Amino acid sequence: VSGNVPYMNLPSITWDMFGRSGRGYAQGRFRGENMVYSEAEWRFPLQQNKETFGGTVFVNAASFSSKTSNEALFNKINPGYGMGLRVMINKKNRTTIAADYGFGQKGNSGFYLNINESF
C-alpha cells in the first residue's frame, strides 16, 4: 500500500478481466495513478419473437490522473462510442458471440470480438 507502482501496472483502458472496457481505444492507450470509467449500453432485438440476433449501441468515457504529466482526474475526458451485433449460439447457457466496432478521439477505433457477455 505504499511506494511507487511500476508504470505498466497502473490502471489502464481494457485492463479489466476480459479486456472489454474502453471500446474505441487500444489496450493501455490511457493510463494513470487514478482512473474513473463509465459505460452505457443499449441492447435491442433484431428479430421478432426470437432471441438469436441482437444489436447494441454504446458510449463510454474515461478519465485518468498522472503525476508525471501533472494531469488531474476529470481534466480530460476520453469518450468512446460504437455499435455491435450479438448472436446467441446456445440459448440454454445464454452463450453469445459479440462483435463490436468502437470509435474514439483522433482517429482511434477498433473491432472487438468476444464470447459471452459482460453483464
Protein backbone atom coordinates (compact mmCIF):
# COMPACT_ATOMS: atom_id res chain seq x y z
CA VAL A 1 0.00 0.00 0.00
CA SER A 2 2.98 2.29 -0.26
CA GLY A 3 5.73 3.02 -2.76
CA ASN A 4 5.67 3.57 -6.49
CA VAL A 5 3.68 1.30 -8.77
CA PRO A 6 5.51 0.34 -11.98
CA TYR A 7 4.14 2.23 -14.97
CA MET A 8 2.81 -0.86 -16.77
CA ASN A 9 0.84 -1.87 -13.64
CA LEU A 10 -1.08 1.42 -13.37
CA PRO A 11 -4.83 1.37 -14.10
CA SER A 12 -5.48 1.46 -17.83
CA ILE A 13 -8.12 1.09 -20.53
CA THR A 14 -9.02 -2.60 -21.22
CA TRP A 15 -7.12 -3.93 -18.22
CA ASP A 16 -10.34 -5.40 -16.83
CA MET A 17 -10.65 -9.19 -16.63
CA PHE A 18 -11.97 -9.70 -20.17
CA GLY A 19 -10.50 -6.60 -21.84
CA ARG A 20 -13.87 -5.07 -22.62
CA SER A 21 -13.57 -1.56 -21.18
CA GLY A 22 -12.72 1.43 -23.33
CA ARG A 23 -14.02 0.12 -26.64
CA GLY A 24 -12.74 2.55 -29.24
CA TYR A 25 -9.16 2.61 -27.94
CA ALA A 26 -6.23 0.18 -27.91
CA GLN A 27 -5.34 -1.62 -24.69
CA GLY A 28 -3.26 0.64 -22.47
CA ARG A 29 -3.91 3.77 -24.58
CA PHE A 30 -4.71 5.76 -21.42
CA ARG A 31 -3.00 5.05 -18.11
CA GLY A 32 -2.55 6.81 -14.77
CA GLU A 33 -2.44 6.57 -10.99
CA ASN A 34 -6.22 7.07 -10.71
CA MET A 35 -8.94 6.11 -13.15
CA VAL A 36 -12.67 6.76 -13.47
CA TYR A 37 -14.56 4.82 -16.14
CA SER A 38 -18.23 4.73 -17.10
CA GLU A 39 -20.13 2.95 -19.85
CA ALA A 40 -23.74 2.72 -21.01
CA GLU A 41 -25.04 0.18 -23.50
CA TRP A 42 -28.47 -0.25 -25.10
CA ARG A 43 -29.34 -3.68 -26.48
CA PHE A 44 -32.24 -4.44 -28.79
CA PRO A 45 -33.56 -7.49 -30.70
CA LEU A 46 -33.12 -7.69 -34.47
CA GLN A 47 -35.85 -10.34 -34.87
CA GLN A 48 -39.41 -10.54 -33.62
CA ASN A 49 -40.15 -13.38 -31.17
CA LYS A 50 -36.60 -14.77 -31.40
CA GLU A 51 -33.53 -14.20 -29.27
CA THR A 52 -30.91 -15.29 -31.79
CA PHE A 53 -29.79 -11.93 -33.22
CA GLY A 54 -29.47 -8.63 -31.40
CA GLY A 55 -27.84 -5.28 -31.79
CA THR A 56 -26.25 -2.82 -29.41
CA VAL A 57 -25.08 0.77 -29.29
CA PHE A 58 -22.75 2.01 -26.56
CA VAL A 59 -20.95 5.05 -25.20
CA ASN A 60 -18.13 5.19 -22.67
CA ALA A 61 -15.88 7.75 -21.03
CA ALA A 62 -12.68 7.54 -19.02
CA SER A 63 -10.52 9.99 -17.09
CA PHE A 64 -7.07 9.45 -15.61
CA SER A 65 -4.73 11.35 -13.32
CA SER A 66 -0.97 11.32 -13.75
CA LYS A 67 1.77 12.71 -11.54
CA THR A 68 4.21 12.51 -14.46
CA SER A 69 2.20 14.83 -16.72
CA ASN A 70 0.61 16.80 -13.84
CA GLU A 71 -2.85 15.90 -15.09
CA ALA A 72 -5.68 15.81 -12.56
CA LEU A 73 -8.67 13.50 -12.67
CA PHE A 74 -11.51 14.91 -14.85
CA ASN A 75 -9.20 17.49 -16.53
CA LYS A 76 -9.60 15.46 -19.71
CA ILE A 77 -12.40 13.06 -20.60
CA ASN A 78 -11.70 10.37 -23.21
CA PRO A 79 -15.02 9.37 -24.84
CA GLY A 80 -15.76 6.33 -26.98
CA TYR A 81 -18.84 5.08 -28.80
CA GLY A 82 -19.88 2.35 -31.18
CA MET A 83 -22.24 -0.38 -32.22
CA GLY A 84 -22.32 -4.14 -32.25
CA LEU A 85 -24.03 -7.38 -33.14
CA ARG A 86 -24.96 -10.21 -30.77
CA VAL A 87 -25.58 -13.81 -31.89
CA MET A 88 -26.87 -16.29 -29.31
CA ILE A 89 -25.37 -19.69 -30.11
CA ASN A 90 -26.69 -21.58 -27.05
CA LYS A 91 -29.98 -20.44 -25.53
CA LYS A 92 -29.80 -22.83 -22.57
CA ASN A 93 -26.46 -21.45 -21.32
CA ARG A 94 -27.06 -18.00 -22.89
CA THR A 95 -23.75 -18.23 -24.76
CA THR A 96 -23.40 -15.25 -27.07
CA ILE A 97 -20.86 -14.14 -29.64
CA ALA A 98 -20.42 -10.37 -29.52
CA ALA A 99 -18.88 -8.35 -32.35
CA ASP A 100 -18.46 -4.62 -31.69
CA TYR A 101 -16.85 -1.73 -33.50
CA GLY A 102 -15.87 1.25 -31.38
CA PHE A 103 -14.65 4.76 -32.18
CA GLY A 104 -12.56 7.10 -30.04
CA GLN A 105 -10.96 10.51 -30.48
CA LYS A 106 -8.28 11.42 -33.03
CA GLY A 107 -8.93 8.51 -35.37
CA ASN A 108 -8.79 5.76 -32.74
CA SER A 109 -11.07 2.81 -33.45
CA GLY A 110 -11.18 -0.93 -33.08
CA PHE A 111 -13.04 -4.19 -33.70
CA TYR A 112 -13.83 -6.28 -30.61
CA LEU A 113 -14.86 -9.94 -30.71
CA ASN A 114 -15.97 -11.69 -27.52
CA ILE A 115 -17.73 -14.81 -26.35
CA ASN A 116 -20.36 -14.35 -23.63
CA GLU A 117 -21.49 -11.08 -22.16
CA SER A 118 -20.02 -8.71 -19.59
CA PHE A 119 -23.35 -8.26 -17.82
